[in-house]
């Protein structure tokens, strides 16, 4: 049994991962922002609010965290127009969640990760992070996910000496509120693929950027 923490775990891929690990028998803690879900395995956290991280480590009861999944994310500029869209506050709000929130989560839980025998960090980025695949549009989301990818790669380098493996993942185009009903794969397909990727993550593969099905993704 592993101790697992998942941010943004109340819906979509985050909730699917939470349920998947719970069914598997792992001790899983999810974070939420609004109304608390039922049960005791939940911690309130708005990753966009730096003040909320002060109590995060103490709110998580496990002494060690074996897997931290940084899943919380927003796509605020979906459908925005280049001529008059993408206001400055939207940039700030997006980066606060998709980038700074990831860093502060890792930073806050680093001591608990270090207490694990084989700690791992999984960062949910996107194919839209790729600079090689850049068809335009969604500038804020693309830039923030590219920053999350860069953050994960650099964390992998810095945490290697501590024995903490870091992976960055594209979950697929998933049928969620964010992905829409016409997306290519179901939440369950994404979840099962991601869980397999997280299980396989090790110090030998730290810094990897993979799709949910294990395909290396272009940077």
C-alpha atoms as a PDB file:
ATOM      1  CA  UNK A   1       0.000   0.000   0.000  1.00  0.00           C
ATOM      2  CA  UNK A   2       1.270   3.441  -0.956  1.00  0.00           C
ATOM      3  CA  UNK A   3       0.487   6.868   0.440  1.00  0.00           C
ATOM      4  CA  UNK A   4      -0.701   9.049  -2.448  1.00  0.00           C
ATOM      5  CA  UNK A   5      -1.655  12.733  -2.632  1.00  0.00           C
ATOM      6  CA  UNK A   6      -3.584  14.123  -5.610  1.00  0.00           C
ATOM      7  CA  UNK A   7      -4.322  17.823  -6.089  1.00  0.00           C
ATOM      8  CA  UNK A   8      -7.541  18.856  -7.805  1.00  0.00           C
ATOM      9  CA  UNK A   9      -9.105  15.486  -7.061  1.00  0.00           C
ATOM     10  CA  UNK A  10     -12.808  16.301  -6.970  1.00  0.00           C
ATOM     11  CA  UNK A  11     -13.574  15.900 -10.678  1.00  0.00           C
ATOM     12  CA  UNK A  12     -12.280  14.777 -14.037  1.00  0.00           C
ATOM     13  CA  UNK A  13      -8.965  12.956 -14.197  1.00  0.00           C
ATOM     14  CA  UNK A  14      -8.122  13.843 -10.603  1.00  0.00           C
ATOM     15  CA  UNK A  15     -11.269  12.184  -9.270  1.00  0.00           C
ATOM     16  CA  UNK A  16     -10.773   9.157 -11.491  1.00  0.00           C
ATOM     17  CA  UNK A  17      -7.244   8.728 -10.142  1.00  0.00           C
ATOM     18  CA  UNK A  18      -8.454   9.191  -6.566  1.00  0.00           C
ATOM     19  CA  UNK A  19     -11.104   6.487  -6.991  1.00  0.00           C
ATOM     20  CA  UNK A  20      -8.722   4.193  -8.863  1.00  0.00           C
ATOM     21  CA  UNK A  21      -6.113   4.260  -6.114  1.00  0.00           C
ATOM     22  CA  UNK A  22      -8.751   3.885  -3.396  1.00  0.00           C
ATOM     23  CA  UNK A  23     -10.140   0.774  -5.094  1.00  0.00           C
ATOM     24  CA  UNK A  24      -6.615  -0.592  -5.444  1.00  0.00           C
ATOM     25  CA  UNK A  25      -6.179  -0.306  -1.684  1.00  0.00           C
ATOM     26  CA  UNK A  26      -3.771   2.603  -1.496  1.00  0.00           C
ATOM     27  CA  UNK A  27      -4.056   5.337   1.133  1.00  0.00           C
ATOM     28  CA  UNK A  28      -5.052   8.306  -1.030  1.00  0.00           C
ATOM     29  CA  UNK A  29      -5.589  11.931  -0.008  1.00  0.00           C
ATOM     30  CA  UNK A  30      -7.251  14.364  -2.403  1.00  0.00           C
ATOM     31  CA  UNK A  31      -7.384  18.139  -2.286  1.00  0.00           C
ATOM     32  CA  UNK A  32     -10.508  20.208  -2.910  1.00  0.00           C
ATOM     33  CA  UNK A  33     -11.384  23.901  -3.135  1.00  0.00           C
ATOM     34  CA  UNK A  34     -15.129  24.283  -2.582  1.00  0.00           C
ATOM     35  CA  UNK A  35     -17.586  21.995  -0.818  1.00  0.00           C
ATOM     36  CA  UNK A  36     -15.811  19.194   1.022  1.00  0.00           C
ATOM     37  CA  UNK A  37     -16.465  15.752  -0.497  1.00  0.00           C
ATOM     38  CA  UNK A  38     -17.719  13.002   1.751  1.00  0.00           C
ATOM     39  CA  UNK A  39     -15.219  11.018   3.768  1.00  0.00           C
ATOM     40  CA  UNK A  40     -12.089  11.885   5.667  1.00  0.00           C
ATOM     41  CA  UNK A  41      -9.476  11.479   2.926  1.00  0.00           C
ATOM     42  CA  UNK A  42      -9.680  15.094   1.805  1.00  0.00           C
ATOM     43  CA  UNK A  43      -7.662  18.259   2.489  1.00  0.00           C
ATOM     44  CA  UNK A  44      -8.792  21.748   1.521  1.00  0.00           C
ATOM     45  CA  UNK A  45      -6.327  23.508  -0.762  1.00  0.00           C
ATOM     46  CA  UNK A  46      -6.551  26.203  -3.403  1.00  0.00           C
ATOM     47  CA  UNK A  47      -3.229  25.822  -5.197  1.00  0.00           C
ATOM     48  CA  UNK A  48      -3.563  29.382  -6.528  1.00  0.00           C
ATOM     49  CA  UNK A  49      -3.486  30.789  -2.978  1.00  0.00           C
ATOM     50  CA  UNK A  50       0.033  30.717  -1.479  1.00  0.00           C
ATOM     51  CA  UNK A  51      -1.391  31.201   2.017  1.00  0.00           C
ATOM     52  CA  UNK A  52      -3.100  27.826   1.808  1.00  0.00           C
ATOM     53  CA  UNK A  53       0.151  25.870   1.739  1.00  0.00           C
ATOM     54  CA  UNK A  54       1.172  26.646   5.309  1.00  0.00           C
ATOM     55  CA  UNK A  55      -0.950  23.840   6.772  1.00  0.00           C
ATOM     56  CA  UNK A  56      -0.781  21.391   3.862  1.00  0.00           C
ATOM     57  CA  UNK A  57       1.901  19.094   5.275  1.00  0.00           C
ATOM     58  CA  UNK A  58       0.297  18.951   8.713  1.00  0.00           C
ATOM     59  CA  UNK A  59      -3.189  18.394   7.252  1.00  0.00           C
ATOM     60  CA  UNK A  60      -1.960  15.286   5.463  1.00  0.00           C
ATOM     61  CA  UNK A  61      -1.864  12.619   8.145  1.00  0.00           C
ATOM     62  CA  UNK A  62       0.589  10.236   6.498  1.00  0.00           C
ATOM     63  CA  UNK A  63       4.179  10.591   7.673  1.00  0.00           C
ATOM     64  CA  UNK A  64       5.466   9.884   4.164  1.00  0.00           C
ATOM     65  CA  UNK A  65       4.135  10.585   0.673  1.00  0.00           C
ATOM     66  CA  UNK A  66       5.091   7.922  -1.862  1.00  0.00           C
ATOM     67  CA  UNK A  67       3.419   9.541  -4.876  1.00  0.00           C
ATOM     68  CA  UNK A  68       2.426  13.172  -5.337  1.00  0.00           C
ATOM     69  CA  UNK A  69       0.212  13.821  -8.356  1.00  0.00           C
ATOM     70  CA  UNK A  70       0.089  17.507  -9.293  1.00  0.00           C
ATOM     71  CA  UNK A  71      -3.149  17.465 -11.233  1.00  0.00           C
ATOM     72  CA  UNK A  72      -4.926  20.734 -10.372  1.00  0.00           C
ATOM     73  CA  UNK A  73      -5.166  22.937 -13.450  1.00  0.00           C
ATOM     74  CA  UNK A  74      -7.281  25.496 -15.299  1.00  0.00           C
ATOM     75  CA  UNK A  75      -7.891  26.324 -18.969  1.00  0.00           C
ATOM     76  CA  UNK A  76      -9.249  29.842 -18.692  1.00  0.00           C
ATOM     77  CA  UNK A  77      -8.484  31.066 -22.217  1.00  0.00           C
ATOM     78  CA  UNK A  78     -10.312  28.333 -24.111  1.00  0.00           C
ATOM     79  CA  UNK A  79     -11.827  29.968 -27.204  1.00  0.00           C
ATOM     80  CA  UNK A  80     -10.237  33.371 -26.524  1.00  0.00           C
ATOM     81  CA  UNK A  81      -9.690  35.758 -29.436  1.00  0.00           C
ATOM     82  CA  UNK A  82      -6.233  37.152 -30.204  1.00  0.00           C
ATOM     83  CA  UNK A  83      -7.656  40.555 -31.158  1.00  0.00           C
ATOM     84  CA  UNK A  84      -9.235  41.368 -27.806  1.00  0.00           C
ATOM     85  CA  UNK A  85      -8.830  38.374 -25.493  1.00  0.00           C
ATOM     86  CA  UNK A  86      -6.180  37.071 -23.100  1.00  0.00           C
ATOM     87  CA  UNK A  87      -6.346  39.814 -20.433  1.00  0.00           C
ATOM     88  CA  UNK A  88      -3.409  40.174 -18.068  1.00  0.00           C
ATOM     89  CA  UNK A  89      -5.351  38.873 -15.057  1.00  0.00           C
ATOM     90  CA  UNK A  90      -6.169  35.690 -16.948  1.00  0.00           C
ATOM     91  CA  UNK A  91      -2.447  35.121 -17.458  1.00  0.00           C
ATOM     92  CA  UNK A  92      -1.788  35.671 -13.755  1.00  0.00           C
ATOM     93  CA  UNK A  93      -4.627  33.404 -12.622  1.00  0.00           C
ATOM     94  CA  UNK A  94      -3.631  30.616 -14.995  1.00  0.00           C
ATOM     95  CA  UNK A  95       0.028  30.626 -14.021  1.00  0.00           C
ATOM     96  CA  UNK A  96      -0.880  30.797 -10.325  1.00  0.00           C
ATOM     97  CA  UNK A  97      -2.663  27.446 -10.646  1.00  0.00           C
ATOM     98  CA  UNK A  98      -0.824  25.645 -13.438  1.00  0.00           C
ATOM     99  CA  UNK A  99       2.744  26.578 -12.533  1.00  0.00           C
ATOM    100  CA  UNK A 100       3.215  28.266  -9.158  1.00  0.00           C
ATOM    101  CA  UNK A 101       0.679  25.909  -7.597  1.00  0.00           C
ATOM    102  CA  UNK A 102       2.669  22.912  -8.772  1.00  0.00           C
ATOM    103  CA  UNK A 103       5.913  24.290  -7.379  1.00  0.00           C
ATOM    104  CA  UNK A 104       4.424  25.224  -4.002  1.00  0.00           C
ATOM    105  CA  UNK A 105       2.794  21.809  -3.675  1.00  0.00           C
ATOM    106  CA  UNK A 106       6.114  20.063  -4.278  1.00  0.00           C
ATOM    107  CA  UNK A 107       7.961  22.450  -1.983  1.00  0.00           C
ATOM    108  CA  UNK A 108       5.438  22.019   0.835  1.00  0.00           C
ATOM    109  CA  UNK A 109       5.446  18.227   0.684  1.00  0.00           C
ATOM    110  CA  UNK A 110       9.165  17.737   0.064  1.00  0.00           C
ATOM    111  CA  UNK A 111       9.882  16.558   3.641  1.00  0.00           C
ATOM    112  CA  UNK A 112       7.129  13.936   3.382  1.00  0.00           C
ATOM    113  CA  UNK A 113       8.415  12.825   0.002  1.00  0.00           C
ATOM    114  CA  UNK A 114      11.898  12.471   1.464  1.00  0.00           C
ATOM    115  CA  UNK A 115      10.436  10.234   4.186  1.00  0.00           C
ATOM    116  CA  UNK A 116       9.327   7.712   1.538  1.00  0.00           C
ATOM    117  CA  UNK A 117      11.543   4.817   0.468  1.00  0.00           C
ATOM    118  CA  UNK A 118      10.779   5.381  -3.242  1.00  0.00           C
ATOM    119  CA  UNK A 119       9.163   8.794  -3.687  1.00  0.00           C
ATOM    120  CA  UNK A 120       7.660   9.948  -6.975  1.00  0.00           C
ATOM    121  CA  UNK A 121       6.163  13.166  -8.330  1.00  0.00           C
ATOM    122  CA  UNK A 122       3.822  13.111 -11.332  1.00  0.00           C
ATOM    123  CA  UNK A 123       3.022  16.426 -12.999  1.00  0.00           C
ATOM    124  CA  UNK A 124       0.011  16.528 -15.301  1.00  0.00           C
ATOM    125  CA  UNK A 125       0.971  18.782 -18.189  1.00  0.00           C
ATOM    126  CA  UNK A 126      -0.431  18.520 -21.737  1.00  0.00           C
ATOM    127  CA  UNK A 127       0.489  17.945 -25.359  1.00  0.00           C
ATOM    128  CA  UNK A 128      -0.182  21.681 -25.620  1.00  0.00           C
ATOM    129  CA  UNK A 129       3.067  22.224 -23.701  1.00  0.00           C
ATOM    130  CA  UNK A 130       5.111  21.089 -26.678  1.00  0.00           C
ATOM    131  CA  UNK A 131       7.144  23.720 -28.518  1.00  0.00           C
ATOM    132  CA  UNK A 132       7.582  21.271 -31.404  1.00  0.00           C
ATOM    133  CA  UNK A 133       3.818  20.906 -31.816  1.00  0.00           C
ATOM    134  CA  UNK A 134       2.635  24.529 -31.815  1.00  0.00           C
ATOM    135  CA  UNK A 135      -0.431  25.129 -34.025  1.00  0.00           C
ATOM    136  CA  UNK A 136      -1.328  28.444 -32.383  1.00  0.00           C
ATOM    137  CA  UNK A 137      -4.131  29.664 -30.134  1.00  0.00           C
ATOM    138  CA  UNK A 138      -4.772  29.032 -26.438  1.00  0.00           C
ATOM    139  CA  UNK A 139      -1.674  31.079 -25.673  1.00  0.00           C
ATOM    140  CA  UNK A 140      -2.094  31.206 -21.918  1.00  0.00           C
ATOM    141  CA  UNK A 141      -2.857  27.538 -21.420  1.00  0.00           C
ATOM    142  CA  UNK A 142      -0.075  26.463 -23.779  1.00  0.00           C
ATOM    143  CA  UNK A 143       2.456  28.745 -22.096  1.00  0.00           C
ATOM    144  CA  UNK A 144       1.471  27.632 -18.597  1.00  0.00           C
ATOM    145  CA  UNK A 145       1.646  23.947 -19.453  1.00  0.00           C
ATOM    146  CA  UNK A 146       5.002  24.497 -21.180  1.00  0.00           C
ATOM    147  CA  UNK A 147       6.192  26.133 -17.967  1.00  0.00           C
ATOM    148  CA  UNK A 148       4.919  23.151 -15.964  1.00  0.00           C
ATOM    149  CA  UNK A 149       6.861  20.841 -18.277  1.00  0.00           C
ATOM    150  CA  UNK A 150      10.006  22.932 -17.828  1.00  0.00           C
ATOM    151  CA  UNK A 151       9.464  22.983 -14.067  1.00  0.00           C
ATOM    152  CA  UNK A 152       9.143  19.216 -13.979  1.00  0.00           C
ATOM    153  CA  UNK A 153      12.310  18.691 -15.995  1.00  0.00           C
ATOM    154  CA  UNK A 154      14.305  20.955 -13.699  1.00  0.00           C
ATOM    155  CA  UNK A 155      12.824  19.405 -10.560  1.00  0.00           C
ATOM    156  CA  UNK A 156      13.882  16.019 -11.899  1.00  0.00           C
ATOM    157  CA  UNK A 157      17.462  17.269 -12.119  1.00  0.00           C
ATOM    158  CA  UNK A 158      17.508  18.890  -8.683  1.00  0.00           C
ATOM    159  CA  UNK A 159      15.709  16.068  -6.860  1.00  0.00           C
ATOM    160  CA  UNK A 160      17.772  13.282  -8.383  1.00  0.00           C
ATOM    161  CA  UNK A 161      20.265  13.476  -5.539  1.00  0.00           C
ATOM    162  CA  UNK A 162      17.404  12.985  -3.059  1.00  0.00           C
ATOM    163  CA  UNK A 163      16.164   9.901  -4.874  1.00  0.00           C
ATOM    164  CA  UNK A 164      12.869  11.507  -5.908  1.00  0.00           C
ATOM    165  CA  UNK A 165      11.704  10.561  -9.411  1.00  0.00           C
ATOM    166  CA  UNK A 166       9.732  13.150 -11.401  1.00  0.00           C
ATOM    167  CA  UNK A 167       7.598  12.471 -14.470  1.00  0.00           C
ATOM    168  CA  UNK A 168       5.582  14.827 -16.662  1.00  0.00           C
ATOM    169  CA  UNK A 169       2.547  13.492 -18.511  1.00  0.00           C
ATOM    170  CA  UNK A 170       0.032  14.292 -21.229  1.00  0.00           C
ATOM    171  CA  UNK A 171      -3.209  12.653 -20.052  1.00  0.00           C
ATOM    172  CA  UNK A 172      -4.678  12.492 -23.556  1.00  0.00           C
ATOM    173  CA  UNK A 173      -7.603  14.435 -24.956  1.00  0.00           C
ATOM    174  CA  UNK A 174     -10.084  13.270 -22.349  1.00  0.00           C
ATOM    175  CA  UNK A 175     -13.869  13.419 -22.131  1.00  0.00           C
ATOM    176  CA  UNK A 176     -14.046  15.749 -19.131  1.00  0.00           C
ATOM    177  CA  UNK A 177     -15.513  19.218 -18.564  1.00  0.00           C
ATOM    178  CA  UNK A 178     -12.211  20.620 -19.839  1.00  0.00           C
ATOM    179  CA  UNK A 179     -11.788  18.253 -22.779  1.00  0.00           C
ATOM    180  CA  UNK A 180     -15.416  18.177 -23.886  1.00  0.00           C
ATOM    181  CA  UNK A 181     -17.703  15.321 -24.891  1.00  0.00           C
ATOM    182  CA  UNK A 182     -16.091  14.928 -28.329  1.00  0.00           C
ATOM    183  CA  UNK A 183     -12.635  14.194 -26.879  1.00  0.00           C
ATOM    184  CA  UNK A 184     -10.761  11.114 -28.059  1.00  0.00           C
ATOM    185  CA  UNK A 185     -10.619   8.954 -24.913  1.00  0.00           C
ATOM    186  CA  UNK A 186     -12.621   8.286 -21.773  1.00  0.00           C
ATOM    187  CA  UNK A 187     -11.588   9.301 -18.283  1.00  0.00           C
ATOM    188  CA  UNK A 188     -11.107   5.629 -17.439  1.00  0.00           C
ATOM    189  CA  UNK A 189      -8.702   5.101 -20.353  1.00  0.00           C
ATOM    190  CA  UNK A 190      -6.653   8.106 -19.274  1.00  0.00           C
ATOM    191  CA  UNK A 191      -6.683   7.039 -15.619  1.00  0.00           C
ATOM    192  CA  UNK A 192      -5.588   3.478 -16.313  1.00  0.00           C
ATOM    193  CA  UNK A 193      -2.789   4.656 -18.583  1.00  0.00           C
ATOM    194  CA  UNK A 194      -1.575   7.266 -16.137  1.00  0.00           C
ATOM    195  CA  UNK A 195      -1.601   4.841 -13.213  1.00  0.00           C
ATOM    196  CA  UNK A 196       0.532   2.449 -15.248  1.00  0.00           C
ATOM    197  CA  UNK A 197       2.947   5.276 -16.095  1.00  0.00           C
ATOM    198  CA  UNK A 198       3.225   6.345 -12.456  1.00  0.00           C
ATOM    199  CA  UNK A 199       3.860   2.745 -11.375  1.00  0.00           C
ATOM    200  CA  UNK A 200       6.680   2.470 -13.922  1.00  0.00           C
ATOM    201  CA  UNK A 201       8.303   5.814 -13.044  1.00  0.00           C
ATOM    202  CA  UNK A 202      11.714   5.352 -11.437  1.00  0.00           C
ATOM    203  CA  UNK A 203      15.038   7.096 -11.049  1.00  0.00           C
ATOM    204  CA  UNK A 204      16.045   5.513 -14.366  1.00  0.00           C
ATOM    205  CA  UNK A 205      13.229   7.356 -16.146  1.00  0.00           C
ATOM    206  CA  UNK A 206      13.085  10.573 -14.113  1.00  0.00           C
ATOM    207  CA  UNK A 207      12.418  13.655 -16.232  1.00  0.00           C
ATOM    208  CA  UNK A 208      10.321  11.732 -18.760  1.00  0.00           C
ATOM    209  CA  UNK A 209       7.554  13.438 -20.752  1.00  0.00           C
ATOM    210  CA  UNK A 210       5.109  10.737 -21.828  1.00  0.00           C
ATOM    211  CA  UNK A 211       1.550  10.423 -23.043  1.00  0.00           C
ATOM    212  CA  UNK A 212      -0.906   8.429 -20.949  1.00  0.00           C
ATOM    213  CA  UNK A 213      -0.229   5.350 -23.107  1.00  0.00           C
ATOM    214  CA  UNK A 214       3.531   5.457 -22.607  1.00  0.00           C
ATOM    215  CA  UNK A 215       4.504   7.151 -25.879  1.00  0.00           C
ATOM    216  CA  UNK A 216       7.414   9.605 -25.518  1.00  0.00           C
ATOM    217  CA  UNK A 217       6.043  13.080 -26.209  1.00  0.00           C
ATOM    218  CA  UNK A 218       7.896  15.712 -28.288  1.00  0.00           C
ATOM    219  CA  UNK A 219       9.198  18.589 -26.217  1.00  0.00           C
END
